[in-house]
Amino acid sequence: MPTPENTHARQAAVVYNPIKVDILALKTAVAAAADDAGWLPPLWFETTLQDAGQLVTATAIARGADLVLAAGGDGTVRAVAEGLRDTGVAMALLPSGTGNLLARNLDIGFGTLDEAIHTALHGVDRTIDLGLASIVRADGVREEHVFLVMAGLGLDAKMIANTNSKLKKAVGWLAYVDAGIRSLPEIKPVRLRLSVDGEPERSVNVHTIIIGNCGKLPGGILLIPDAKPDDGVLDFVALRPRGPFGWINVWNKVAWENGVLRKSALGRRIIDLSRDVKDVTYLTGRDLRMVVEVPQEFQLDGDEFGEARSVHTWVDPGALTVRVPEGSF
């Protein structure tokens, strides 16, 4: 067994959300796998209401961690990624939530805990981009956060805010369907001014605008088909259904065209020949600024973040290293 004097032995740290994990099973499995792999005994850090993972991740790095395993939901993963931004220290995923958005988008399988730990200790490193969001609240307070998959303002954020936490725990991502139905009475367009990559501002009415570093939602829904986590740009999609059939057009675009037709060469030719669905608009860029007339709900990676008066999002290319299974990209 390696000792701390062995400078070649690697050090793993685990940042875990005690509400999301079976800590005894997790500690037993990680410690055994680390010992078998010749790593030092793992360092353990628990998240709290005061620290979602950013501070303890910084502590793990200061104590010599070569790898940080994030064990929790999407909020824990995002917080660990924020702590690891631009450090070069890799993050491994031990999916424990209902969304597991980054794992889905990087095609990291949802196998057993032992399989996830094996990927952490024996996988390969993949460099991906991070999204940054600077949020200004109604009272002028400014906050800055990272996101790995998607950020959103408007209806999608309102839907997430309306999600029943008990139902989410019981049925997973299907709880968002219930929240969507309950959000329908609140559906109304959001008027905002936006600018992409420093271009002149333009005023638009949308029901929701989503900024994507990745494109896949729970349930395999491909919302942003061209989004890639390592292309150095962000993808923006605005949903602005018009008339009584607008939401049908949105659903057909997302579920049928993106989810079905794009999977085959023939389907992609059909999309090329079909008329453009103006209820769904896609843009790409490195920088997006939005100012709303009335503060709106905002979300990051499926977690509600309250109301925002303005939002500035941009990409930090190659800012995060993620441990993935060999041959997965």
Protein backbone atom coordinates (compact mmCIF):
# COMPACT_ATOMS: atom_id res chain seq x y z
CA MET A 1 0.00 0.00 0.00
CA PRO A 2 1.41 3.45 -0.92
CA THR A 3 2.37 5.91 1.79
CA PRO A 4 2.33 9.71 1.83
CA GLU A 5 6.13 9.61 1.37
CA ASN A 6 5.57 8.03 -2.04
CA THR A 7 5.49 11.16 -4.21
CA HIS A 8 4.22 9.17 -7.19
CA ALA A 9 1.02 8.08 -5.41
CA ARG A 10 -2.00 10.03 -6.60
CA GLN A 11 -4.54 11.72 -4.34
CA ALA A 12 -8.30 11.66 -4.88
CA ALA A 13 -10.79 13.83 -3.01
CA VAL A 14 -14.53 13.25 -2.79
CA VAL A 15 -16.95 16.17 -2.46
CA TYR A 16 -20.33 14.74 -1.53
CA ASN A 17 -23.82 15.96 -0.74
CA PRO A 18 -24.89 14.04 2.39
CA ILE A 19 -28.56 14.26 1.39
CA LYS A 20 -27.96 12.59 -1.98
CA VAL A 21 -25.58 9.72 -1.15
CA ASP A 22 -25.23 6.66 1.08
CA ILE A 23 -22.02 7.88 2.64
CA LEU A 24 -21.04 4.60 4.31
CA ALA A 25 -21.36 2.66 1.04
CA LEU A 26 -19.60 5.45 -0.86
CA LYS A 27 -16.64 5.63 1.53
CA THR A 28 -16.23 1.85 1.56
CA ALA A 29 -16.30 1.55 -2.23
CA VAL A 30 -14.02 4.53 -2.99
CA ALA A 31 -11.47 3.62 -0.34
CA ALA A 32 -11.21 0.02 -1.58
CA ALA A 33 -10.91 1.06 -5.24
CA ALA A 34 -8.27 3.71 -4.43
CA ASP A 35 -6.21 1.19 -2.48
CA ASP A 36 -6.42 -1.37 -5.31
CA ALA A 37 -5.34 1.28 -7.82
CA GLY A 38 -2.36 2.38 -5.72
CA TRP A 39 -3.81 5.79 -4.83
CA LEU A 40 -3.47 7.44 -1.44
CA PRO A 41 -6.44 7.21 0.98
CA PRO A 42 -9.13 9.58 -0.34
CA LEU A 43 -9.85 12.97 1.19
CA TRP A 44 -13.50 13.56 2.13
CA PHE A 45 -15.42 16.83 2.04
CA GLU A 46 -19.12 17.30 2.84
CA THR A 47 -21.20 20.06 1.25
CA THR A 48 -23.35 22.30 3.44
CA LEU A 49 -26.04 24.93 3.05
CA GLN A 50 -23.28 27.54 3.31
CA ASP A 51 -20.94 25.81 0.84
CA ALA A 52 -22.41 23.86 -2.08
CA GLY A 53 -18.93 22.60 -2.94
CA GLN A 54 -16.86 25.52 -4.21
CA LEU A 55 -14.89 26.16 -1.02
CA VAL A 56 -14.24 22.53 -0.10
CA THR A 57 -13.09 21.89 -3.68
CA ALA A 58 -10.55 24.68 -3.29
CA THR A 59 -9.44 23.09 -0.02
CA ALA A 60 -9.07 19.71 -1.75
CA ILE A 61 -6.81 21.27 -4.38
CA ALA A 62 -4.76 23.00 -1.69
CA ARG A 63 -4.28 19.64 0.00
CA GLY A 64 -2.88 18.11 -3.18
CA ALA A 65 -5.87 16.47 -4.85
CA ASP A 66 -5.11 15.22 -8.37
CA LEU A 67 -8.76 14.32 -8.93
CA VAL A 68 -12.03 15.48 -7.36
CA LEU A 69 -15.02 13.15 -7.41
CA ALA A 70 -18.38 14.95 -7.30
CA ALA A 71 -21.00 12.81 -5.54
CA GLY A 72 -24.39 14.48 -5.58
CA GLY A 73 -26.92 16.08 -7.88
CA ASP A 74 -26.43 18.63 -10.64
CA GLY A 75 -25.97 21.40 -8.06
CA THR A 76 -23.03 19.59 -6.46
CA VAL A 77 -21.47 18.92 -9.86
CA ARG A 78 -21.82 22.57 -10.84
CA ALA A 79 -20.30 23.76 -7.56
CA VAL A 80 -17.31 21.41 -7.86
CA ALA A 81 -16.80 22.52 -11.47
CA GLU A 82 -16.82 26.13 -10.29
CA GLY A 83 -14.08 25.28 -7.81
CA LEU A 84 -12.05 23.45 -10.46
CA ARG A 85 -12.40 26.07 -13.20
CA ASP A 86 -9.09 26.63 -15.01
CA THR A 87 -7.09 24.60 -12.46
CA GLY A 88 -6.36 21.59 -14.69
CA VAL A 89 -7.45 19.25 -11.88
CA ALA A 90 -9.91 16.70 -13.26
CA MET A 91 -13.46 16.16 -12.03
CA ALA A 92 -15.07 12.71 -11.96
CA LEU A 93 -18.81 12.15 -11.74
CA LEU A 94 -20.55 9.84 -9.30
CA PRO A 95 -24.14 10.55 -10.47
CA SER A 96 -26.50 10.66 -7.51
CA GLY A 97 -29.32 13.01 -8.53
CA THR A 98 -32.38 12.86 -10.76
CA GLY A 99 -31.07 14.95 -13.66
CA ASN A 100 -27.40 14.00 -14.01
CA LEU A 101 -27.31 16.43 -16.92
CA LEU A 102 -23.58 16.56 -17.57
CA ALA A 103 -23.20 12.77 -17.41
CA ARG A 104 -26.02 12.39 -19.95
CA ASN A 105 -24.45 14.89 -22.32
CA LEU A 106 -20.99 13.31 -22.09
CA ASP A 107 -22.51 9.84 -22.59
CA ILE A 108 -21.21 8.62 -19.24
CA GLY A 109 -23.29 5.54 -18.47
CA PHE A 110 -25.43 5.15 -15.37
CA GLY A 111 -24.03 1.84 -14.19
CA THR A 112 -23.17 0.74 -10.69
CA LEU A 113 -21.27 2.80 -8.16
CA ASP A 114 -18.23 0.55 -8.67
CA GLU A 115 -18.30 1.26 -12.41
CA ALA A 116 -18.46 5.01 -11.82
CA ILE A 117 -15.52 4.82 -9.39
CA HIS A 118 -13.55 2.72 -11.91
CA THR A 119 -14.08 5.42 -14.54
CA ALA A 120 -12.90 8.03 -12.03
CA LEU A 121 -9.65 6.23 -11.25
CA HIS A 122 -8.91 4.60 -14.61
CA GLY A 123 -10.69 6.73 -17.21
CA VAL A 124 -9.30 9.37 -19.55
CA ASP A 125 -9.47 13.14 -19.34
CA ARG A 126 -11.70 15.21 -21.58
CA THR A 127 -11.46 18.99 -21.69
CA ILE A 128 -14.76 20.84 -22.02
CA ASP A 129 -15.98 24.43 -21.94
CA LEU A 130 -17.75 26.13 -19.08
CA GLY A 131 -20.56 28.63 -19.33
CA LEU A 132 -20.41 31.70 -17.08
CA ALA A 133 -23.43 33.67 -15.97
CA SER A 134 -23.36 37.08 -14.29
CA ILE A 135 -26.80 37.78 -12.82
CA VAL A 136 -28.05 41.15 -11.62
CA ARG A 137 -30.97 40.97 -9.20
CA ALA A 138 -33.85 43.43 -8.93
CA ASP A 139 -32.05 45.17 -6.02
CA GLY A 140 -28.84 45.55 -8.04
CA VAL A 141 -26.91 42.73 -6.35
CA ARG A 142 -24.64 40.91 -8.82
CA GLU A 143 -23.73 37.19 -8.68
CA GLU A 144 -21.50 35.08 -10.91
CA HIS A 145 -21.86 31.33 -11.39
CA VAL A 146 -20.76 28.65 -13.84
CA PHE A 147 -23.02 26.25 -15.70
CA LEU A 148 -22.10 23.06 -17.49
CA VAL A 149 -25.17 22.24 -19.55
CA MET A 150 -27.80 24.99 -19.82
CA ALA A 151 -28.98 28.25 -18.34
CA GLY A 152 -32.42 29.64 -18.98
CA LEU A 153 -34.62 32.67 -18.41
CA GLY A 154 -38.42 32.75 -18.64
CA LEU A 155 -40.84 29.86 -18.82
CA ASP A 156 -38.32 27.02 -18.43
CA ALA A 157 -36.94 28.63 -15.26
CA LYS A 158 -40.46 29.23 -13.96
CA MET A 159 -41.26 25.57 -14.61
CA ILE A 160 -38.20 24.50 -12.60
CA ALA A 161 -39.17 26.87 -9.78
CA ASN A 162 -42.61 25.24 -9.72
CA THR A 163 -41.25 21.68 -9.58
CA ASN A 164 -42.43 19.71 -6.56
CA SER A 165 -39.31 18.48 -4.74
CA LYS A 166 -41.06 15.44 -3.25
CA LEU A 167 -42.43 14.42 -6.63
CA LYS A 168 -39.00 14.94 -8.20
CA LYS A 169 -37.47 12.61 -5.63
CA ALA A 170 -40.16 9.99 -6.34
CA VAL A 171 -40.34 10.05 -10.15
CA GLY A 172 -37.21 11.92 -11.22
CA TRP A 173 -37.26 14.19 -14.26
CA LEU A 174 -40.94 13.42 -14.96
CA ALA A 175 -41.74 15.87 -12.16
CA TYR A 176 -40.87 18.64 -14.64
CA VAL A 177 -43.89 17.60 -16.74
CA ASP A 178 -46.14 18.21 -13.74
CA ALA A 179 -44.43 21.56 -13.17
CA GLY A 180 -44.89 22.48 -16.81
CA ILE A 181 -48.62 21.86 -16.62
CA ARG A 182 -48.89 23.93 -13.45
CA SER A 183 -46.90 26.74 -15.10
CA LEU A 184 -49.28 27.01 -18.07
CA PRO A 185 -51.54 29.65 -16.45
CA GLU A 186 -48.47 31.88 -16.05
CA ILE A 187 -47.42 31.65 -19.70
CA LYS A 188 -46.89 35.07 -21.21
CA PRO A 189 -44.14 36.49 -23.42
CA VAL A 190 -41.09 38.09 -21.85
CA ARG A 191 -39.96 41.35 -23.40
CA LEU A 192 -36.21 41.79 -23.33
CA ARG A 193 -33.28 43.49 -25.00
CA LEU A 194 -30.45 41.23 -26.09
CA SER A 195 -27.05 41.48 -27.70
CA VAL A 196 -24.90 38.64 -29.07
CA ASP A 197 -21.12 39.08 -29.29
CA GLY A 198 -21.29 42.85 -28.86
CA GLU A 199 -23.75 43.49 -31.69
CA PRO A 200 -26.30 46.31 -31.29
CA GLU A 201 -29.14 45.48 -28.92
CA ARG A 202 -32.46 44.33 -30.30
CA SER A 203 -35.82 44.02 -28.57
CA VAL A 204 -37.59 40.66 -28.71
CA ASN A 205 -40.57 38.93 -27.16
CA VAL A 206 -39.91 35.33 -26.12
CA HIS A 207 -41.46 32.83 -23.73
CA THR A 208 -38.06 31.49 -22.79
CA ILE A 209 -34.45 31.80 -23.89
CA ILE A 210 -31.96 29.03 -23.14
CA ILE A 211 -28.18 29.24 -23.29
CA GLY A 212 -26.60 25.86 -23.96
CA ASN A 213 -23.10 24.51 -23.47
CA CYS A 214 -24.62 21.07 -24.15
CA GLY A 215 -27.85 20.19 -25.91
CA LYS A 216 -29.54 17.22 -24.22
CA LEU A 217 -32.28 17.31 -21.58
CA PRO A 218 -33.48 14.49 -19.30
CA GLY A 219 -35.54 11.89 -21.11
CA GLY A 220 -33.21 12.06 -24.10
CA ILE A 221 -34.82 15.26 -25.43
CA LEU A 222 -32.37 16.97 -27.78
CA LEU A 223 -33.20 20.62 -27.34
CA ILE A 224 -30.10 22.09 -29.02
CA PRO A 225 -28.84 19.58 -31.61
CA ASP A 226 -25.68 21.46 -32.64
CA ALA A 227 -24.43 22.22 -29.13
CA LYS A 228 -21.07 20.65 -28.27
CA PRO A 229 -19.37 20.95 -24.87
CA ASP A 230 -15.93 21.57 -26.37
CA ASP A 231 -16.47 23.82 -29.40
CA GLY A 232 -15.64 27.13 -27.71
CA VAL A 233 -19.07 28.68 -28.29
CA LEU A 234 -22.49 28.74 -26.67
CA ASP A 235 -25.75 27.90 -28.42
CA PHE A 236 -28.84 30.01 -27.79
CA VAL A 237 -32.42 28.94 -28.43
CA ALA A 238 -35.44 31.22 -28.13
CA LEU A 239 -38.91 29.70 -27.87
CA ARG A 240 -41.55 32.14 -29.04
CA PRO A 241 -44.68 30.24 -30.06
CA ARG A 242 -47.16 32.34 -32.01
CA GLY A 243 -50.84 31.65 -32.31
CA PRO A 244 -52.84 28.62 -31.09
CA PHE A 245 -50.56 26.11 -32.82
CA GLY A 246 -47.28 27.67 -31.73
CA TRP A 247 -46.56 25.20 -28.94
CA ILE A 248 -47.33 22.32 -31.30
CA ASN A 249 -44.70 23.69 -33.69
CA VAL A 250 -42.22 23.94 -30.80
CA TRP A 251 -42.90 20.35 -29.75
CA ASN A 252 -42.61 19.05 -33.32
CA LYS A 253 -39.30 20.85 -33.76
CA VAL A 254 -37.77 19.57 -30.52
CA ALA A 255 -39.29 16.09 -30.22
CA TRP A 256 -39.75 15.07 -33.87
CA GLU A 257 -37.10 16.88 -35.90
CA ASN A 258 -34.35 16.98 -33.25
CA GLY A 259 -35.23 13.74 -31.51
CA VAL A 260 -36.11 11.51 -34.47
CA LEU A 261 -35.29 12.89 -37.92
CA ARG A 262 -31.76 14.03 -37.09
CA LYS A 263 -30.75 10.46 -36.22
CA SER A 264 -30.72 9.36 -39.87
CA ALA A 265 -29.34 10.72 -43.14
CA LEU A 266 -32.80 10.61 -44.72
CA GLY A 267 -34.30 12.43 -41.76
CA ARG A 268 -31.70 15.19 -41.98
CA ARG A 269 -32.52 15.64 -45.69
CA ILE A 270 -36.19 15.96 -44.78
CA ILE A 271 -35.30 18.67 -42.25
CA ASP A 272 -33.29 20.54 -44.89
CA LEU A 273 -36.28 20.49 -47.24
CA SER A 274 -38.89 21.40 -44.62
CA ARG A 275 -39.97 24.92 -43.83
CA ASP A 276 -38.25 26.80 -41.05
CA VAL A 277 -40.07 26.78 -37.71
CA LYS A 278 -39.98 30.41 -36.66
CA ASP A 279 -41.40 29.55 -33.24
CA VAL A 280 -37.94 28.15 -32.40
CA THR A 281 -34.88 30.30 -33.17
CA TYR A 282 -31.26 29.15 -32.82
CA LEU A 283 -28.16 31.35 -32.58
CA THR A 284 -24.53 30.78 -31.60
CA GLY A 285 -21.96 33.03 -30.03
CA ARG A 286 -19.46 33.50 -27.26
CA ASP A 287 -21.28 36.21 -25.35
CA LEU A 288 -24.97 37.00 -24.70
CA ARG A 289 -26.37 39.94 -22.75
CA MET A 290 -30.05 40.19 -21.79
CA VAL A 291 -32.02 42.89 -19.97
CA VAL A 292 -35.68 42.27 -19.16
CA GLU A 293 -38.40 44.83 -18.55
CA VAL A 294 -39.65 42.91 -15.50
CA PRO A 295 -37.39 40.59 -13.42
CA GLN A 296 -37.77 36.98 -14.54
CA GLU A 297 -37.03 33.54 -13.11
CA PHE A 298 -33.57 32.22 -13.99
CA GLN A 299 -32.14 28.68 -13.84
CA LEU A 300 -28.73 27.04 -14.06
CA ASP A 301 -28.42 23.35 -14.96
CA GLY A 302 -31.95 22.63 -13.82
CA ASP A 303 -31.74 24.47 -10.47
CA GLU A 304 -33.74 27.60 -9.78
CA PHE A 305 -31.70 30.74 -9.14
CA GLY A 306 -34.41 33.28 -8.35
CA GLU A 307 -35.30 36.32 -10.42
CA ALA A 308 -32.89 38.31 -12.56
CA ARG A 309 -33.15 41.81 -13.99
CA SER A 310 -30.27 41.25 -16.40
CA VAL A 311 -28.04 38.34 -17.36
CA HIS A 312 -24.65 38.25 -19.04
CA THR A 313 -23.46 34.82 -20.17
CA TRP A 314 -20.21 33.88 -21.87
CA VAL A 315 -18.03 30.86 -22.57
CA ASP A 316 -14.74 29.92 -20.93
CA PRO A 317 -13.24 27.53 -23.53
CA GLY A 318 -11.52 24.41 -22.21
CA ALA A 319 -11.92 25.53 -18.60
CA LEU A 320 -12.81 22.13 -17.10
CA THR A 321 -11.26 18.67 -17.27
CA VAL A 322 -13.67 15.76 -16.81
CA ARG A 323 -12.77 12.09 -16.32
CA VAL A 324 -14.72 9.93 -18.79
CA PRO A 325 -14.64 6.25 -19.83
CA GLU A 326 -11.91 5.36 -22.32
CA GLY A 327 -13.19 5.48 -25.89
CA SER A 328 -16.24 7.63 -25.04
CA PHE A 329 -15.21 10.55 -27.28
